[in-house]
Amino acid sequence: MISPDKHKKTVSEADERLVKEPDFQMPLCRINFILMAVAALMIVGGFLLMTGAPATAEAFNPDIFSTRRIVVGPTIAFLGFVFMGVAIMWTGKKHKNEIKDNE
């Protein structure tokens, strides 16, 4: 059985090891996650713009060649993928200043 004094000592040692690291050491900030969510919405929106009724063997649907489905949707999805890369690499001014101050 563990004595109460020994238990208190191990808890305080655990608290010392669980010190929160500074925000400037985090690879991604809150703004990165917000920008990534916007990029994900752009990608999903682009794919939704590409959806529609298909053409079958019995009935041809000329809507499959609409500008929305072959130009606008893919362009928005592509820009969403590009913006996702930018969102991951984004470093805000505040984050840059914290890194400089701690060097």
PDB file of N, CA and C in Angstrom:
ATOM      1  N   MET A   1       0.842  -1.169   0.000  1.00  0.00           N
ATOM      2  CA  MET A   1       0.000   0.000   0.000  1.00  0.00           C
ATOM      3  C   MET A   1       0.894   1.241   0.000  1.00  0.00           C
ATOM      4  N   ILE A   2       0.486   2.272  -0.723  1.00  0.00           N
ATOM      5  CA  ILE A   2       1.271   3.498  -0.834  1.00  0.00           C
ATOM      6  C   ILE A   2       0.864   4.452   0.276  1.00  0.00           C
ATOM      7  N   SER A   3       1.862   4.989   0.932  1.00  0.00           N
ATOM      8  CA  SER A   3       1.550   5.944   1.995  1.00  0.00           C
ATOM      9  C   SER A   3       1.098   7.268   1.377  1.00  0.00           C
ATOM     10  N   PRO A   4       0.266   8.046   2.084  1.00  0.00           N
ATOM     11  CA  PRO A   4      -0.226   9.318   1.549  1.00  0.00           C
ATOM     12  C   PRO A   4       0.893  10.306   1.226  1.00  0.00           C
ATOM     13  N   ASP A   5       1.952  10.305   2.021  1.00  0.00           N
ATOM     14  CA  ASP A   5       3.057  11.227   1.774  1.00  0.00           C
ATOM     15  C   ASP A   5       3.754  10.903   0.459  1.00  0.00           C
ATOM     16  N   LYS A   6       3.960   9.622   0.196  1.00  0.00           N
ATOM     17  CA  LYS A   6       4.620   9.224  -1.039  1.00  0.00           C
ATOM     18  C   LYS A   6       3.748   9.567  -2.245  1.00  0.00           C
ATOM     19  N   HIS A   7       2.426   9.396  -2.124  1.00  0.00           N
ATOM     20  CA  HIS A   7       1.511   9.715  -3.207  1.00  0.00           C
ATOM     21  C   HIS A   7       1.566  11.208  -3.540  1.00  0.00           C
ATOM     22  N   LYS A   8       1.593  12.053  -2.525  1.00  0.00           N
ATOM     23  CA  LYS A   8       1.662  13.499  -2.753  1.00  0.00           C
ATOM     24  C   LYS A   8       2.938  13.867  -3.502  1.00  0.00           C
ATOM     25  N   LYS A   9       4.024  13.203  -3.179  1.00  0.00           N
ATOM     26  CA  LYS A   9       5.289  13.501  -3.828  1.00  0.00           C
ATOM     27  C   LYS A   9       5.235  13.149  -5.311  1.00  0.00           C
ATOM     28  N   THR A  10       4.655  12.000  -5.660  1.00  0.00           N
ATOM     29  CA  THR A  10       4.588  11.610  -7.060  1.00  0.00           C
ATOM     30  C   THR A  10       3.645  12.509  -7.844  1.00  0.00           C
ATOM     31  N   VAL A  11       2.583  12.997  -7.226  1.00  0.00           N
ATOM     32  CA  VAL A  11       1.677  13.906  -7.913  1.00  0.00           C
ATOM     33  C   VAL A  11       2.382  15.218  -8.220  1.00  0.00           C
ATOM     34  N   SER A  12       3.150  15.763  -7.280  1.00  0.00           N
ATOM     35  CA  SER A  12       3.846  17.018  -7.526  1.00  0.00           C
ATOM     36  C   SER A  12       4.922  16.838  -8.595  1.00  0.00           C
ATOM     37  N   GLU A  13       5.586  15.685  -8.617  1.00  0.00           N
ATOM     38  CA  GLU A  13       6.568  15.416  -9.654  1.00  0.00           C
ATOM     39  C   GLU A  13       5.893  15.346 -11.020  1.00  0.00           C
ATOM     40  N   ALA A  14       4.713  14.747 -11.082  1.00  0.00           N
ATOM     41  CA  ALA A  14       3.975  14.676 -12.338  1.00  0.00           C
ATOM     42  C   ALA A  14       3.563  16.072 -12.793  1.00  0.00           C
ATOM     43  N   ASP A  15       3.163  16.924 -11.864  1.00  0.00           N
ATOM     44  CA  ASP A  15       2.784  18.289 -12.216  1.00  0.00           C
ATOM     45  C   ASP A  15       3.965  19.053 -12.804  1.00  0.00           C
ATOM     46  N   GLU A  16       5.145  18.813 -12.277  1.00  0.00           N
ATOM     47  CA  GLU A  16       6.328  19.489 -12.791  1.00  0.00           C
ATOM     48  C   GLU A  16       6.644  19.046 -14.215  1.00  0.00           C
ATOM     49  N   ARG A  17       6.394  17.793 -14.521  1.00  0.00           N
ATOM     50  CA  ARG A  17       6.671  17.285 -15.860  1.00  0.00           C
ATOM     51  C   ARG A  17       5.627  17.726 -16.870  1.00  0.00           C
ATOM     52  N   LEU A  18       4.431  18.077 -16.424  1.00  0.00           N
ATOM     53  CA  LEU A  18       3.346  18.453 -17.321  1.00  0.00           C
ATOM     54  C   LEU A  18       3.232  19.965 -17.473  1.00  0.00           C
ATOM     55  N   VAL A  19       4.335  20.641 -17.540  1.00  0.00           N
ATOM     56  CA  VAL A  19       4.327  22.089 -17.718  1.00  0.00           C
ATOM     57  C   VAL A  19       3.944  22.382 -19.165  1.00  0.00           C
ATOM     58  N   LYS A  20       3.024  23.304 -19.343  1.00  0.00           N
ATOM     59  CA  LYS A  20       2.556  23.649 -20.676  1.00  0.00           C
ATOM     60  C   LYS A  20       3.673  24.343 -21.433  1.00  0.00           C
ATOM     61  N   GLU A  21       3.891  23.903 -22.669  1.00  0.00           N
ATOM     62  CA  GLU A  21       4.931  24.544 -23.462  1.00  0.00           C
ATOM     63  C   GLU A  21       4.403  25.862 -24.026  1.00  0.00           C
ATOM     64  N   PRO A  22       5.281  26.819 -24.257  1.00  0.00           N
ATOM     65  CA  PRO A  22       4.849  28.124 -24.754  1.00  0.00           C
ATOM     66  C   PRO A  22       4.223  28.019 -26.142  1.00  0.00           C
ATOM     67  N   ASP A  23       3.326  28.958 -26.437  1.00  0.00           N
ATOM     68  CA  ASP A  23       2.626  28.937 -27.721  1.00  0.00           C
ATOM     69  C   ASP A  23       3.562  29.101 -28.905  1.00  0.00           C
ATOM     70  N   PHE A  24       4.666  29.810 -28.726  1.00  0.00           N
ATOM     71  CA  PHE A  24       5.554  30.025 -29.862  1.00  0.00           C
ATOM     72  C   PHE A  24       6.263  28.746 -30.293  1.00  0.00           C
ATOM     73  N   GLN A  25       6.257  27.714 -29.467  1.00  0.00           N
ATOM     74  CA  GLN A  25       6.868  26.446 -29.835  1.00  0.00           C
ATOM     75  C   GLN A  25       5.889  25.510 -30.527  1.00  0.00           C
ATOM     76  N   MET A  26       4.620  25.849 -30.526  1.00  0.00           N
ATOM     77  CA  MET A  26       3.617  25.017 -31.178  1.00  0.00           C
ATOM     78  C   MET A  26       3.760  25.171 -32.694  1.00  0.00           C
ATOM     79  N   PRO A  27       3.723  24.083 -33.449  1.00  0.00           N
ATOM     80  CA  PRO A  27       3.895  24.194 -34.900  1.00  0.00           C
ATOM     81  C   PRO A  27       2.704  24.862 -35.594  1.00  0.00           C
ATOM     82  N   LEU A  28       1.495  24.668 -35.070  1.00  0.00           N
ATOM     83  CA  LEU A  28       0.305  25.280 -35.656  1.00  0.00           C
ATOM     84  C   LEU A  28      -0.432  26.076 -34.587  1.00  0.00           C
ATOM     85  N   CYS A  29      -0.909  27.262 -34.980  1.00  0.00           N
ATOM     86  CA  CYS A  29      -1.656  28.117 -34.059  1.00  0.00           C
ATOM     87  C   CYS A  29      -3.148  27.991 -34.341  1.00  0.00           C
ATOM     88  N   ARG A  30      -3.911  28.731 -33.588  1.00  0.00           N
ATOM     89  CA  ARG A  30      -5.368  28.717 -33.760  1.00  0.00           C
ATOM     90  C   ARG A  30      -5.760  29.203 -35.147  1.00  0.00           C
ATOM     91  N   ILE A  31      -5.078  30.227 -35.650  1.00  0.00           N
ATOM     92  CA  ILE A  31      -5.403  30.779 -36.969  1.00  0.00           C
ATOM     93  C   ILE A  31      -5.169  29.733 -38.060  1.00  0.00           C
ATOM     94  N   ASN A  32      -4.170  28.865 -37.891  1.00  0.00           N
ATOM     95  CA  ASN A  32      -3.927  27.809 -38.873  1.00  0.00           C
ATOM     96  C   ASN A  32      -5.127  26.880 -38.978  1.00  0.00           C
ATOM     97  N   PHE A  33      -5.690  26.508 -37.840  1.00  0.00           N
ATOM     98  CA  PHE A  33      -6.838  25.600 -37.856  1.00  0.00           C
ATOM     99  C   PHE A  33      -8.074  26.277 -38.445  1.00  0.00           C
ATOM    100  N   ILE A  34      -8.244  27.554 -38.201  1.00  0.00           N
ATOM    101  CA  ILE A  34      -9.378  28.288 -38.790  1.00  0.00           C
ATOM    102  C   ILE A  34      -9.223  28.348 -40.304  1.00  0.00           C
ATOM    103  N   LEU A  35      -8.012  28.679 -40.772  1.00  0.00           N
ATOM    104  CA  LEU A  35      -7.772  28.749 -42.217  1.00  0.00           C
ATOM    105  C   LEU A  35      -7.917  27.377 -42.871  1.00  0.00           C
ATOM    106  N   MET A  36      -7.496  26.320 -42.189  1.00  0.00           N
ATOM    107  CA  MET A  36      -7.657  24.975 -42.740  1.00  0.00           C
ATOM    108  C   MET A  36      -9.131  24.589 -42.836  1.00  0.00           C
ATOM    109  N   ALA A  37      -9.947  25.027 -41.877  1.00  0.00           N
ATOM    110  CA  ALA A  37     -11.385  24.750 -41.933  1.00  0.00           C
ATOM    111  C   ALA A  37     -12.024  25.474 -43.116  1.00  0.00           C
ATOM    112  N   VAL A  38     -11.603  26.714 -43.357  1.00  0.00           N
ATOM    113  CA  VAL A  38     -12.117  27.465 -44.516  1.00  0.00           C
ATOM    114  C   VAL A  38     -11.711  26.762 -45.810  1.00  0.00           C
ATOM    115  N   ALA A  39     -10.471  26.302 -45.886  1.00  0.00           N
ATOM    116  CA  ALA A  39     -10.011  25.591 -47.077  1.00  0.00           C
ATOM    117  C   ALA A  39     -10.800  24.304 -47.286  1.00  0.00           C
ATOM    118  N   ALA A  40     -11.080  23.578 -46.218  1.00  0.00           N
ATOM    119  CA  ALA A  40     -11.859  22.344 -46.328  1.00  0.00           C
ATOM    120  C   ALA A  40     -13.270  22.642 -46.826  1.00  0.00           C
ATOM    121  N   LEU A  41     -13.852  23.732 -46.350  1.00  0.00           N
ATOM    122  CA  LEU A  41     -15.186  24.118 -46.836  1.00  0.00           C
ATOM    123  C   LEU A  41     -15.152  24.489 -48.318  1.00  0.00           C
ATOM    124  N   MET A  42     -14.071  25.141 -48.748  1.00  0.00           N
ATOM    125  CA  MET A  42     -13.930  25.459 -50.177  1.00  0.00           C
ATOM    126  C   MET A  42     -13.846  24.180 -51.007  1.00  0.00           C
ATOM    127  N   ILE A  43     -13.101  23.201 -50.530  1.00  0.00           N
ATOM    128  CA  ILE A  43     -12.958  21.938 -51.267  1.00  0.00           C
ATOM    129  C   ILE A  43     -14.301  21.226 -51.365  1.00  0.00           C
ATOM    130  N   VAL A  44     -14.992  21.126 -50.248  1.00  0.00           N
ATOM    131  CA  VAL A  44     -16.302  20.461 -50.245  1.00  0.00           C
ATOM    132  C   VAL A  44     -17.287  21.231 -51.132  1.00  0.00           C
ATOM    133  N   GLY A  45     -17.262  22.551 -51.046  1.00  0.00           N
ATOM    134  CA  GLY A  45     -18.139  23.368 -51.888  1.00  0.00           C
ATOM    135  C   GLY A  45     -17.863  23.165 -53.367  1.00  0.00           C
ATOM    136  N   GLY A  46     -16.599  23.078 -53.736  1.00  0.00           N
ATOM    137  CA  GLY A  46     -16.245  22.829 -55.136  1.00  0.00           C
ATOM    138  C   GLY A  46     -16.764  21.490 -55.618  1.00  0.00           C
ATOM    139  N   PHE A  47     -16.625  20.461 -54.780  1.00  0.00           N
ATOM    140  CA  PHE A  47     -17.136  19.148 -55.173  1.00  0.00           C
ATOM    141  C   PHE A  47     -18.666  19.143 -55.249  1.00  0.00           C
ATOM    142  N   LEU A  48     -19.310  19.875 -54.361  1.00  0.00           N
ATOM    143  CA  LEU A  48     -20.779  19.946 -54.425  1.00  0.00           C
ATOM    144  C   LEU A  48     -21.250  20.665 -55.689  1.00  0.00           C
ATOM    145  N   LEU A  49     -20.484  21.672 -56.123  1.00  0.00           N
ATOM    146  CA  LEU A  49     -20.842  22.366 -57.362  1.00  0.00           C
ATOM    147  C   LEU A  49     -20.689  21.464 -58.586  1.00  0.00           C
ATOM    148  N   MET A  50     -19.856  20.459 -58.489  1.00  0.00           N
ATOM    149  CA  MET A  50     -19.663  19.541 -59.622  1.00  0.00           C
ATOM    150  C   MET A  50     -20.734  18.456 -59.693  1.00  0.00           C
ATOM    151  N   THR A  51     -21.560  18.318 -58.659  1.00  0.00           N
ATOM    152  CA  THR A  51     -22.569  17.264 -58.665  1.00  0.00           C
ATOM    153  C   THR A  51     -23.780  17.669 -59.489  1.00  0.00           C
ATOM    154  N   GLY A  52     -24.559  16.692 -59.863  1.00  0.00           N
ATOM    155  CA  GLY A  52     -25.778  16.936 -60.623  1.00  0.00           C
ATOM    156  C   GLY A  52     -26.297  15.650 -61.220  1.00  0.00           C
ATOM    157  N   ALA A  53     -27.382  15.781 -61.973  1.00  0.00           N
ATOM    158  CA  ALA A  53     -27.993  14.612 -62.601  1.00  0.00           C
ATOM    159  C   ALA A  53     -27.089  14.101 -63.722  1.00  0.00           C
ATOM    160  N   PRO A  54     -26.904  12.781 -63.807  1.00  0.00           N
ATOM    161  CA  PRO A  54     -26.031  12.223 -64.846  1.00  0.00           C
ATOM    162  C   PRO A  54     -26.761  12.055 -66.177  1.00  0.00           C
ATOM    163  N   ALA A  55     -25.995  11.851 -67.219  1.00  0.00           N
ATOM    164  CA  ALA A  55     -26.566  11.494 -68.510  1.00  0.00           C
ATOM    165  C   ALA A  55     -26.614   9.969 -68.574  1.00  0.00           C
ATOM    166  N   THR A  56     -27.731   9.435 -69.033  1.00  0.00           N
ATOM    167  CA  THR A  56     -27.880   7.979 -69.131  1.00  0.00           C
ATOM    168  C   THR A  56     -27.886   7.573 -70.602  1.00  0.00           C
ATOM    169  N   ALA A  57     -27.914   6.280 -70.845  1.00  0.00           N
ATOM    170  CA  ALA A  57     -27.947   5.781 -72.217  1.00  0.00           C
ATOM    171  C   ALA A  57     -29.267   6.130 -72.898  1.00  0.00           C
ATOM    172  N   GLU A  58     -30.357   6.232 -72.123  1.00  0.00           N
ATOM    173  CA  GLU A  58     -31.665   6.543 -72.695  1.00  0.00           C
ATOM    174  C   GLU A  58     -31.877   8.033 -72.899  1.00  0.00           C
ATOM    175  N   ALA A  59     -31.356   8.850 -71.987  1.00  0.00           N
ATOM    176  CA  ALA A  59     -31.602  10.296 -72.060  1.00  0.00           C
ATOM    177  C   ALA A  59     -30.291  11.053 -71.855  1.00  0.00           C
ATOM    178  N   PHE A  60     -29.998  11.917 -72.808  1.00  0.00           N
ATOM    179  CA  PHE A  60     -28.800  12.746 -72.693  1.00  0.00           C
ATOM    180  C   PHE A  60     -29.130  13.993 -71.883  1.00  0.00           C
ATOM    181  N   ASN A  61     -28.281  14.307 -70.930  1.00  0.00           N
ATOM    182  CA  ASN A  61     -28.471  15.487 -70.092  1.00  0.00           C
ATOM    183  C   ASN A  61     -27.384  16.501 -70.461  1.00  0.00           C
ATOM    184  N   PRO A  62     -27.749  17.569 -71.184  1.00  0.00           N
ATOM    185  CA  PRO A  62     -26.738  18.550 -71.593  1.00  0.00           C
ATOM    186  C   PRO A  62     -26.158  19.345 -70.410  1.00  0.00           C
ATOM    187  N   ASP A  63     -26.775  19.213 -69.239  1.00  0.00           N
ATOM    188  CA  ASP A  63     -26.291  19.940 -68.056  1.00  0.00           C
ATOM    189  C   ASP A  63     -24.927  19.416 -67.578  1.00  0.00           C
ATOM    190  N   ILE A  64     -24.508  18.245 -68.055  1.00  0.00           N
ATOM    191  CA  ILE A  64     -23.202  17.741 -67.629  1.00  0.00           C
ATOM    192  C   ILE A  64     -22.066  18.597 -68.173  1.00  0.00           C
ATOM    193  N   PHE A  65     -22.342  19.410 -69.168  1.00  0.00           N
ATOM    194  CA  PHE A  65     -21.326  20.297 -69.739  1.00  0.00           C
ATOM    195  C   PHE A  65     -21.523  21.752 -69.314  1.00  0.00           C
ATOM    196  N   SER A  66     -22.268  21.979 -68.243  1.00  0.00           N
ATOM    197  CA  SER A  66     -22.502  23.353 -67.797  1.00  0.00           C
ATOM    198  C   SER A  66     -21.220  23.959 -67.229  1.00  0.00           C
ATOM    199  N   THR A  67     -21.138  25.265 -67.278  1.00  0.00           N
ATOM    200  CA  THR A  67     -19.968  25.988 -66.775  1.00  0.00           C
ATOM    201  C   THR A  67     -19.764  25.733 -65.286  1.00  0.00           C
ATOM    202  N   ARG A  68     -20.855  25.637 -64.560  1.00  0.00           N
ATOM    203  CA  ARG A  68     -20.758  25.388 -63.115  1.00  0.00           C
ATOM    204  C   ARG A  68     -20.064  24.065 -62.829  1.00  0.00           C
ATOM    205  N   ARG A  69     -20.349  23.039 -63.612  1.00  0.00           N
ATOM    206  CA  ARG A  69     -19.817  21.702 -63.338  1.00  0.00           C
ATOM    207  C   ARG A  69     -18.417  21.464 -63.884  1.00  0.00           C
ATOM    208  N   ILE A  70     -18.032  22.152 -64.970  1.00  0.00           N
ATOM    209  CA  ILE A  70     -16.718  21.864 -65.544  1.00  0.00           C
ATOM    210  C   ILE A  70     -15.708  22.996 -65.373  1.00  0.00           C
ATOM    211  N   VAL A  71     -16.153  24.158 -64.879  1.00  0.00           N
ATOM    212  CA  VAL A  71     -15.208  25.264 -64.681  1.00  0.00           C
ATOM    213  C   VAL A  71     -15.227  25.759 -63.237  1.00  0.00           C
ATOM    214  N   VAL A  72     -16.373  26.186 -62.755  1.00  0.00           N
ATOM    215  CA  VAL A  72     -16.473  26.826 -61.444  1.00  0.00           C
ATOM    216  C   VAL A  72     -16.169  25.836 -60.316  1.00  0.00           C
ATOM    217  N   GLY A  73     -16.800  24.680 -60.321  1.00  0.00           N
ATOM    218  CA  GLY A  73     -16.596  23.688 -59.259  1.00  0.00           C
ATOM    219  C   GLY A  73     -15.149  23.223 -59.139  1.00  0.00           C
ATOM    220  N   PRO A  74     -14.537  22.771 -60.252  1.00  0.00           N
ATOM    221  CA  PRO A  74     -13.140  22.346 -60.151  1.00  0.00           C
ATOM    222  C   PRO A  74     -12.183  23.481 -59.758  1.00  0.00           C
ATOM    223  N   THR A  75     -12.472  24.685 -60.213  1.00  0.00           N
ATOM    224  CA  THR A  75     -11.608  25.823 -59.863  1.00  0.00           C
ATOM    225  C   THR A  75     -11.667  26.106 -58.367  1.00  0.00           C
ATOM    226  N   ILE A  76     -12.862  26.099 -57.796  1.00  0.00           N
ATOM    227  CA  ILE A  76     -12.995  26.349 -56.360  1.00  0.00           C
ATOM    228  C   ILE A  76     -12.343  25.223 -55.557  1.00  0.00           C
ATOM    229  N   ALA A  77     -12.518  23.975 -56.000  1.00  0.00           N
ATOM    230  CA  ALA A  77     -11.893  22.850 -55.297  1.00  0.00           C
ATOM    231  C   ALA A  77     -10.366  22.962 -55.372  1.00  0.00           C
ATOM    232  N   PHE A  78      -9.832  23.291 -56.546  1.00  0.00           N
ATOM    233  CA  PHE A  78      -8.383  23.438 -56.700  1.00  0.00           C
ATOM    234  C   PHE A  78      -7.853  24.568 -55.827  1.00  0.00           C
ATOM    235  N   LEU A  79      -8.539  25.699 -55.820  1.00  0.00           N
ATOM    236  CA  LEU A  79      -8.107  26.813 -54.973  1.00  0.00           C
ATOM    237  C   LEU A  79      -8.191  26.438 -53.493  1.00  0.00           C
ATOM    238  N   GLY A  80      -9.154  25.603 -53.136  1.00  0.00           N
ATOM    239  CA  GLY A  80      -9.241  25.115 -51.766  1.00  0.00           C
ATOM    240  C   GLY A  80      -8.031  24.277 -51.382  1.00  0.00           C
ATOM    241  N   PHE A  81      -7.572  23.415 -52.304  1.00  0.00           N
ATOM    242  CA  PHE A  81      -6.374  22.617 -52.032  1.00  0.00           C
ATOM    243  C   PHE A  81      -5.134  23.506 -51.909  1.00  0.00           C
ATOM    244  N   VAL A  82      -5.016  24.516 -52.765  1.00  0.00           N
ATOM    245  CA  VAL A  82      -3.883  25.446 -52.686  1.00  0.00           C
ATOM    246  C   VAL A  82      -3.945  26.215 -51.368  1.00  0.00           C
ATOM    247  N   PHE A  83      -5.138  26.691 -51.022  1.00  0.00           N
ATOM    248  CA  PHE A  83      -5.313  27.454 -49.785  1.00  0.00           C
ATOM    249  C   PHE A  83      -5.032  26.585 -48.559  1.00  0.00           C
ATOM    250  N   MET A  84      -5.274  25.278 -48.650  1.00  0.00           N
ATOM    251  CA  MET A  84      -4.959  24.374 -47.540  1.00  0.00           C
ATOM    252  C   MET A  84      -3.452  24.362 -47.282  1.00  0.00           C
ATOM    253  N   GLY A  85      -2.664  24.328 -48.342  1.00  0.00           N
ATOM    254  CA  GLY A  85      -1.216  24.389 -48.182  1.00  0.00           C
ATOM    255  C   GLY A  85      -0.770  25.702 -47.563  1.00  0.00           C
ATOM    256  N   VAL A  86      -1.379  26.794 -48.002  1.00  0.00           N
ATOM    257  CA  VAL A  86      -1.058  28.112 -47.437  1.00  0.00           C
ATOM    258  C   VAL A  86      -1.460  28.161 -45.965  1.00  0.00           C
ATOM    259  N   ALA A  87      -2.612  27.597 -45.636  1.00  0.00           N
ATOM    260  CA  ALA A  87      -3.102  27.619 -44.253  1.00  0.00           C
ATOM    261  C   ALA A  87      -2.179  26.844 -43.326  1.00  0.00           C
ATOM    262  N   ILE A  88      -1.607  25.749 -43.808  1.00  0.00           N
ATOM    263  CA  ILE A  88      -0.702  24.964 -42.978  1.00  0.00           C
ATOM    264  C   ILE A  88       0.604  25.705 -42.747  1.00  0.00           C
ATOM    265  N   MET A  89       1.094  26.402 -43.758  1.00  0.00           N
ATOM    266  CA  MET A  89       2.382  27.099 -43.646  1.00  0.00           C
ATOM    267  C   MET A  89       2.265  28.506 -43.075  1.00  0.00           C
ATOM    268  N   TRP A  90       1.063  29.000 -42.868  1.00  0.00           N
ATOM    269  CA  TRP A  90       0.844  30.377 -42.414  1.00  0.00           C
ATOM    270  C   TRP A  90       1.481  30.624 -41.042  1.00  0.00           C
ATOM    271  N   THR A  91       2.212  31.722 -40.950  1.00  0.00           N
ATOM    272  CA  THR A  91       2.776  32.159 -39.678  1.00  0.00           C
ATOM    273  C   THR A  91       2.358  33.607 -39.494  1.00  0.00           C
ATOM    274  N   GLY A  92       1.547  33.882 -38.499  1.00  0.00           N
ATOM    275  CA  GLY A  92       1.058  35.232 -38.257  1.00  0.00           C
ATOM    276  C   GLY A  92       2.131  36.131 -37.665  1.00  0.00           C
ATOM    277  N   LYS A  93       1.854  37.424 -37.668  1.00  0.00           N
ATOM    278  CA  LYS A  93       2.804  38.393 -37.128  1.00  0.00           C
ATOM    279  C   LYS A  93       3.077  38.143 -35.652  1.00  0.00           C
ATOM    280  N   LYS A  94       2.035  37.843 -34.890  1.00  0.00           N
ATOM    281  CA  LYS A  94       2.196  37.605 -33.459  1.00  0.00           C
ATOM    282  C   LYS A  94       3.096  36.399 -33.222  1.00  0.00           C
ATOM    283  N   HIS A  95       2.890  35.346 -33.974  1.00  0.00           N
ATOM    284  CA  HIS A  95       3.689  34.133 -33.824  1.00  0.00           C
ATOM    285  C   HIS A  95       5.150  34.413 -34.199  1.00  0.00           C
ATOM    286  N   LYS A  96       5.376  35.184 -35.264  1.00  0.00           N
ATOM    287  CA  LYS A  96       6.735  35.542 -35.679  1.00  0.00           C
ATOM    288  C   LYS A  96       7.432  36.356 -34.599  1.00  0.00           C
ATOM    289  N   ASN A  97       6.709  37.325 -34.013  1.00  0.00           N
ATOM    290  CA  ASN A  97       7.296  38.160 -32.978  1.00  0.00           C
ATOM    291  C   ASN A  97       7.666  37.355 -31.740  1.00  0.00           C
ATOM    292  N   GLU A  98       6.835  36.384 -31.350  1.00  0.00           N
ATOM    293  CA  GLU A  98       7.131  35.543 -30.191  1.00  0.00           C
ATOM    294  C   GLU A  98       8.381  34.701 -30.439  1.00  0.00           C
ATOM    295  N   ILE A  99       8.541  34.220 -31.667  1.00  0.00           N
ATOM    296  CA  ILE A  99       9.718  33.416 -31.990  1.00  0.00           C
ATOM    297  C   ILE A  99      10.968  34.279 -31.921  1.00  0.00           C
ATOM    298  N   LYS A 100      10.890  35.503 -32.491  1.00  0.00           N
ATOM    299  CA  LYS A 100      12.045  36.401 -32.472  1.00  0.00           C
ATOM    300  C   LYS A 100      12.434  36.787 -31.039  1.00  0.00           C
ATOM    301  N   ASP A 101      11.433  37.070 -30.202  1.00  0.00           N
ATOM    302  CA  ASP A 101      11.697  37.487 -28.818  1.00  0.00           C
ATOM    303  C   ASP A 101      12.371  36.386 -28.007  1.00  0.00           C
ATOM    304  N   ASN A 102      12.094  35.136 -28.335  1.00  0.00           N
ATOM    305  CA  ASN A 102      12.628  34.033 -27.546  1.00  0.00           C
ATOM    306  C   ASN A 102      13.908  33.422 -28.113  1.00  0.00           C
ATOM    307  N   GLU A 103      14.448  34.012 -29.158  1.00  0.00           N
ATOM    308  CA  GLU A 103      15.710  33.508 -29.712  1.00  0.00           C
ATOM    309  C   GLU A 103      16.892  34.043 -28.977  1.00  0.00           C
TER     310      GLU A 103
END
